[in-house]
Amino acid sequence: MKKYVLALDLQHDPTLIAEYEAYHRNIWPEIQASIRDAGIDRMEIYRFANRLFMLMEVEENFSFERKATMDAANPKVQEWEALMWKYQQALPGAKPGEKWVLMDKIFEL
């Protein structure tokens, strides 16, 4: 099984961070379905201050390009992403409009 780790920052606002976490305790069923349909078997998000880390375990045929195409065609995913952008901010060095940034693995034990 493949693993990916991504990072993203939240706005520096405790109220917004609390709202973001509340949404993720009760994600919309359509969002959960879209994640699974894309070939993601497991997804976890961790937070330190306003920095987020996402761990994804995916099926062998998973691709970010396919997921992006699926997401672009799904109005509920687009609604969710627009809502989440209220709470999120790009990492320093991210491309314009880029949210989650893929991290490079530099060590494994």
N, C-alpha and C. Protein backbone atom coordinates (compact mmCIF):
# COMPACT_ATOMS: atom_id res chain seq x y z
N MET A 1 0.83 -1.18 0.00
CA MET A 1 0.00 0.00 0.00
C MET A 1 0.89 1.25 0.00
N LYS A 2 0.54 2.21 -0.81
CA LYS A 2 1.29 3.46 -0.89
C LYS A 2 0.84 4.41 0.21
N LYS A 3 1.77 5.26 0.66
CA LYS A 3 1.46 6.29 1.65
C LYS A 3 1.93 7.63 1.12
N TYR A 4 1.15 8.65 1.42
CA TYR A 4 1.52 10.02 1.10
C TYR A 4 1.30 10.86 2.34
N VAL A 5 2.16 11.86 2.51
CA VAL A 5 2.01 12.82 3.59
C VAL A 5 1.99 14.21 2.97
N LEU A 6 1.00 15.00 3.39
CA LEU A 6 0.84 16.34 2.86
C LEU A 6 0.73 17.33 4.02
N ALA A 7 1.01 18.60 3.74
CA ALA A 7 0.94 19.63 4.76
C ALA A 7 0.14 20.83 4.25
N LEU A 8 -0.40 21.55 5.20
CA LEU A 8 -1.20 22.75 4.92
C LEU A 8 -1.27 23.57 6.20
N ASP A 9 -1.42 24.86 6.07
CA ASP A 9 -1.60 25.71 7.24
C ASP A 9 -3.05 26.17 7.35
N LEU A 10 -3.47 26.40 8.59
CA LEU A 10 -4.75 27.03 8.86
C LEU A 10 -4.51 28.51 9.16
N GLN A 11 -5.56 29.29 9.10
CA GLN A 11 -5.49 30.68 9.51
C GLN A 11 -5.08 30.72 10.98
N HIS A 12 -4.36 31.78 11.38
CA HIS A 12 -3.94 31.94 12.78
C HIS A 12 -5.09 32.53 13.59
N ASP A 13 -6.13 31.75 13.81
CA ASP A 13 -7.31 32.23 14.52
C ASP A 13 -7.92 31.05 15.27
N PRO A 14 -7.87 31.07 16.60
CA PRO A 14 -8.39 29.93 17.38
C PRO A 14 -9.85 29.61 17.09
N THR A 15 -10.66 30.60 16.83
CA THR A 15 -12.07 30.36 16.53
C THR A 15 -12.22 29.61 15.21
N LEU A 16 -11.49 30.05 14.19
CA LEU A 16 -11.54 29.38 12.89
C LEU A 16 -10.98 27.96 12.97
N ILE A 17 -9.92 27.79 13.75
CA ILE A 17 -9.35 26.46 13.91
C ILE A 17 -10.36 25.53 14.56
N ALA A 18 -11.06 26.01 15.58
CA ALA A 18 -12.09 25.19 16.25
C ALA A 18 -13.22 24.83 15.28
N GLU A 19 -13.63 25.78 14.45
CA GLU A 19 -14.68 25.50 13.46
C GLU A 19 -14.20 24.45 12.46
N TYR A 20 -12.96 24.58 12.00
CA TYR A 20 -12.38 23.63 11.04
C TYR A 20 -12.40 22.22 11.63
N GLU A 21 -11.96 22.11 12.89
CA GLU A 21 -11.95 20.79 13.52
C GLU A 21 -13.37 20.25 13.68
N ALA A 22 -14.33 21.10 13.98
CA ALA A 22 -15.72 20.65 14.11
C ALA A 22 -16.23 20.09 12.78
N TYR A 23 -15.93 20.76 11.68
CA TYR A 23 -16.32 20.22 10.37
C TYR A 23 -15.71 18.84 10.14
N HIS A 24 -14.48 18.65 10.58
CA HIS A 24 -13.80 17.38 10.33
C HIS A 24 -14.23 16.27 11.29
N ARG A 25 -14.86 16.62 12.38
CA ARG A 25 -15.45 15.59 13.24
C ARG A 25 -16.73 15.04 12.62
N ASN A 26 -17.33 15.83 11.74
CA ASN A 26 -18.59 15.45 11.10
C ASN A 26 -18.55 15.77 9.61
N ILE A 27 -17.58 15.16 8.89
CA ILE A 27 -17.49 15.49 7.46
C ILE A 27 -18.75 15.04 6.75
N TRP A 28 -19.05 15.75 5.69
CA TRP A 28 -20.23 15.43 4.91
C TRP A 28 -20.09 14.03 4.31
N PRO A 29 -21.17 13.27 4.25
CA PRO A 29 -21.09 11.91 3.69
C PRO A 29 -20.59 11.90 2.25
N GLU A 30 -20.93 12.92 1.48
CA GLU A 30 -20.48 12.99 0.09
C GLU A 30 -18.96 13.15 0.00
N ILE A 31 -18.38 13.83 0.98
CA ILE A 31 -16.94 14.03 1.00
C ILE A 31 -16.25 12.71 1.36
N GLN A 32 -16.77 12.03 2.36
CA GLN A 32 -16.22 10.72 2.72
C GLN A 32 -16.30 9.76 1.53
N ALA A 33 -17.42 9.75 0.84
CA ALA A 33 -17.58 8.88 -0.33
C ALA A 33 -16.59 9.25 -1.43
N SER A 34 -16.37 10.53 -1.65
CA SER A 34 -15.44 10.95 -2.71
C SER A 34 -14.01 10.54 -2.39
N ILE A 35 -13.66 10.57 -1.13
CA ILE A 35 -12.32 10.16 -0.70
C ILE A 35 -12.13 8.66 -0.98
N ARG A 36 -13.09 7.87 -0.57
CA ARG A 36 -13.01 6.42 -0.79
C ARG A 36 -13.05 6.08 -2.28
N ASP A 37 -13.94 6.75 -3.02
CA ASP A 37 -14.07 6.48 -4.46
C ASP A 37 -12.78 6.78 -5.22
N ALA A 38 -11.97 7.69 -4.69
CA ALA A 38 -10.71 8.05 -5.34
C ALA A 38 -9.61 7.01 -5.09
N GLY A 39 -9.89 6.04 -4.21
CA GLY A 39 -8.89 5.02 -3.92
C GLY A 39 -8.08 5.27 -2.66
N ILE A 40 -8.60 6.12 -1.79
CA ILE A 40 -7.93 6.40 -0.52
C ILE A 40 -8.57 5.49 0.53
N ASP A 41 -7.75 4.60 1.09
CA ASP A 41 -8.25 3.64 2.08
C ASP A 41 -8.24 4.20 3.49
N ARG A 42 -7.28 5.06 3.77
CA ARG A 42 -7.15 5.62 5.11
C ARG A 42 -6.62 7.04 5.00
N MET A 43 -7.22 7.94 5.78
CA MET A 43 -6.77 9.32 5.80
C MET A 43 -6.82 9.80 7.24
N GLU A 44 -5.72 10.41 7.68
CA GLU A 44 -5.65 10.99 9.01
C GLU A 44 -5.09 12.39 8.87
N ILE A 45 -5.60 13.32 9.69
CA ILE A 45 -5.09 14.68 9.71
C ILE A 45 -4.67 14.99 11.14
N TYR A 46 -3.46 15.52 11.29
CA TYR A 46 -2.91 15.92 12.58
C TYR A 46 -2.66 17.42 12.55
N ARG A 47 -2.76 18.05 13.73
CA ARG A 47 -2.54 19.49 13.80
C ARG A 47 -1.56 19.81 14.90
N PHE A 48 -0.65 20.74 14.62
CA PHE A 48 0.18 21.39 15.62
C PHE A 48 0.02 22.88 15.38
N ALA A 49 -0.50 23.60 16.38
CA ALA A 49 -0.79 25.03 16.23
C ALA A 49 -1.67 25.20 14.99
N ASN A 50 -1.19 25.91 13.98
CA ASN A 50 -2.01 26.07 12.78
C ASN A 50 -1.50 25.22 11.60
N ARG A 51 -0.55 24.35 11.84
CA ARG A 51 -0.01 23.49 10.78
C ARG A 51 -0.71 22.14 10.80
N LEU A 52 -1.12 21.68 9.61
CA LEU A 52 -1.78 20.40 9.45
C LEU A 52 -0.88 19.44 8.69
N PHE A 53 -0.95 18.15 9.08
CA PHE A 53 -0.29 17.08 8.35
C PHE A 53 -1.33 16.01 8.04
N MET A 54 -1.39 15.61 6.80
CA MET A 54 -2.34 14.58 6.37
C MET A 54 -1.55 13.34 5.95
N LEU A 55 -1.97 12.21 6.49
CA LEU A 55 -1.40 10.92 6.09
C LEU A 55 -2.47 10.19 5.30
N MET A 56 -2.11 9.75 4.10
CA MET A 56 -3.03 9.00 3.26
C MET A 56 -2.42 7.66 2.91
N GLU A 57 -3.20 6.60 3.08
CA GLU A 57 -2.83 5.27 2.59
C GLU A 57 -3.78 4.98 1.45
N VAL A 58 -3.21 4.67 0.29
CA VAL A 58 -4.01 4.59 -0.93
C VAL A 58 -3.82 3.26 -1.64
N GLU A 59 -4.80 2.95 -2.50
CA GLU A 59 -4.70 1.75 -3.34
C GLU A 59 -3.60 1.95 -4.38
N GLU A 60 -3.13 0.85 -4.92
CA GLU A 60 -2.02 0.91 -5.88
C GLU A 60 -2.34 1.75 -7.11
N ASN A 61 -3.60 1.79 -7.52
CA ASN A 61 -3.96 2.54 -8.74
C ASN A 61 -4.32 4.00 -8.45
N PHE A 62 -4.15 4.47 -7.21
CA PHE A 62 -4.48 5.86 -6.88
C PHE A 62 -3.58 6.82 -7.64
N SER A 63 -4.18 7.95 -8.07
CA SER A 63 -3.37 9.04 -8.63
C SER A 63 -4.00 10.37 -8.24
N PHE A 64 -3.15 11.33 -7.96
CA PHE A 64 -3.62 12.67 -7.61
C PHE A 64 -4.35 13.31 -8.79
N GLU A 65 -3.90 13.00 -10.01
CA GLU A 65 -4.53 13.57 -11.20
C GLU A 65 -5.97 13.06 -11.33
N ARG A 66 -6.16 11.77 -11.14
CA ARG A 66 -7.51 11.18 -11.22
C ARG A 66 -8.41 11.76 -10.13
N LYS A 67 -7.87 11.89 -8.92
CA LYS A 67 -8.66 12.47 -7.82
C LYS A 67 -9.05 13.91 -8.15
N ALA A 68 -8.13 14.69 -8.69
CA ALA A 68 -8.43 16.08 -9.05
C ALA A 68 -9.53 16.15 -10.10
N THR A 69 -9.49 15.26 -11.07
CA THR A 69 -10.53 15.21 -12.11
C THR A 69 -11.88 14.86 -11.50
N MET A 70 -11.88 13.86 -10.61
CA MET A 70 -13.12 13.46 -9.94
C MET A 70 -13.67 14.61 -9.09
N ASP A 71 -12.78 15.27 -8.35
CA ASP A 71 -13.21 16.37 -7.49
C ASP A 71 -13.77 17.54 -8.28
N ALA A 72 -13.16 17.84 -9.42
CA ALA A 72 -13.62 18.95 -10.26
C ALA A 72 -15.02 18.70 -10.81
N ALA A 73 -15.37 17.43 -10.97
CA ALA A 73 -16.68 17.08 -11.51
C ALA A 73 -17.74 16.87 -10.43
N ASN A 74 -17.37 17.04 -9.18
CA ASN A 74 -18.28 16.78 -8.06
C ASN A 74 -18.65 18.10 -7.38
N PRO A 75 -19.88 18.60 -7.58
CA PRO A 75 -20.29 19.89 -6.99
C PRO A 75 -20.19 19.91 -5.47
N LYS A 76 -20.45 18.80 -4.81
CA LYS A 76 -20.39 18.78 -3.34
C LYS A 76 -18.95 18.92 -2.86
N VAL A 77 -18.02 18.29 -3.56
CA VAL A 77 -16.60 18.45 -3.22
C VAL A 77 -16.17 19.89 -3.46
N GLN A 78 -16.62 20.49 -4.54
CA GLN A 78 -16.28 21.89 -4.82
C GLN A 78 -16.84 22.81 -3.73
N GLU A 79 -18.05 22.52 -3.27
CA GLU A 79 -18.65 23.31 -2.18
C GLU A 79 -17.82 23.17 -0.90
N TRP A 80 -17.43 21.93 -0.57
CA TRP A 80 -16.62 21.67 0.62
C TRP A 80 -15.28 22.39 0.52
N GLU A 81 -14.62 22.27 -0.63
CA GLU A 81 -13.30 22.90 -0.80
C GLU A 81 -13.39 24.42 -0.67
N ALA A 82 -14.44 25.03 -1.23
CA ALA A 82 -14.61 26.48 -1.11
C ALA A 82 -14.82 26.86 0.35
N LEU A 83 -15.60 26.08 1.07
CA LEU A 83 -15.84 26.34 2.49
C LEU A 83 -14.55 26.20 3.29
N MET A 84 -13.78 25.15 3.03
CA MET A 84 -12.56 24.90 3.79
C MET A 84 -11.51 25.98 3.55
N TRP A 85 -11.51 26.60 2.38
CA TRP A 85 -10.51 27.63 2.07
C TRP A 85 -10.66 28.83 3.00
N LYS A 86 -11.83 29.00 3.61
CA LYS A 86 -12.04 30.06 4.61
C LYS A 86 -11.09 29.85 5.79
N TYR A 87 -10.79 28.62 6.10
CA TYR A 87 -9.99 28.27 7.27
C TYR A 87 -8.52 28.03 6.94
N GLN A 88 -8.23 27.77 5.68
CA GLN A 88 -6.90 27.35 5.28
C GLN A 88 -6.11 28.50 4.68
N GLN A 89 -4.79 28.34 4.68
CA GLN A 89 -3.91 29.26 3.95
C GLN A 89 -2.76 28.45 3.39
N ALA A 90 -2.27 28.90 2.28
CA ALA A 90 -1.20 28.17 1.61
C ALA A 90 0.07 28.19 2.43
N LEU A 91 0.83 27.12 2.32
CA LEU A 91 2.14 27.08 2.94
C LEU A 91 3.09 28.04 2.22
N PRO A 92 4.06 28.58 2.93
CA PRO A 92 5.08 29.37 2.24
C PRO A 92 5.73 28.51 1.15
N GLY A 93 5.84 29.06 -0.04
CA GLY A 93 6.45 28.33 -1.15
C GLY A 93 5.47 27.53 -1.99
N ALA A 94 4.20 27.48 -1.57
CA ALA A 94 3.20 26.77 -2.37
C ALA A 94 2.88 27.57 -3.62
N LYS A 95 2.45 26.87 -4.66
CA LYS A 95 2.05 27.53 -5.90
C LYS A 95 0.73 28.28 -5.67
N PRO A 96 0.45 29.31 -6.45
CA PRO A 96 -0.82 30.03 -6.29
C PRO A 96 -2.01 29.08 -6.39
N GLY A 97 -2.92 29.16 -5.42
CA GLY A 97 -4.11 28.31 -5.40
C GLY A 97 -3.87 26.91 -4.86
N GLU A 98 -2.62 26.55 -4.59
CA GLU A 98 -2.30 25.21 -4.10
C GLU A 98 -2.60 25.12 -2.61
N LYS A 99 -3.32 24.08 -2.24
CA LYS A 99 -3.65 23.86 -0.83
C LYS A 99 -2.66 22.88 -0.23
N TRP A 100 -3.08 21.64 -0.13
CA TRP A 100 -2.23 20.61 0.45
C TRP A 100 -0.99 20.41 -0.41
N VAL A 101 0.17 20.39 0.23
CA VAL A 101 1.45 20.23 -0.47
C VAL A 101 2.05 18.88 -0.07
N LEU A 102 2.44 18.12 -1.07
CA LEU A 102 3.04 16.80 -0.85
C LEU A 102 4.41 16.96 -0.21
N MET A 103 4.64 16.20 0.85
CA MET A 103 5.92 16.25 1.56
C MET A 103 6.84 15.15 1.05
N ASP A 104 8.13 15.39 1.10
CA ASP A 104 9.13 14.40 0.73
C ASP A 104 9.54 13.61 1.97
N LYS A 105 9.55 12.29 1.84
CA LYS A 105 10.02 11.45 2.93
C LYS A 105 11.54 11.52 2.97
N ILE A 106 12.09 11.83 4.14
CA ILE A 106 13.53 11.95 4.25
C ILE A 106 14.15 10.92 5.20
N PHE A 107 13.30 10.17 5.92
CA PHE A 107 13.82 9.18 6.85
C PHE A 107 12.77 8.11 7.12
N GLU A 108 13.23 6.89 7.31
CA GLU A 108 12.36 5.79 7.72
C GLU A 108 13.16 4.81 8.55
N LEU A 109 12.59 4.32 9.63
CA LEU A 109 13.26 3.35 10.50
C LEU A 109 12.53 2.03 10.43
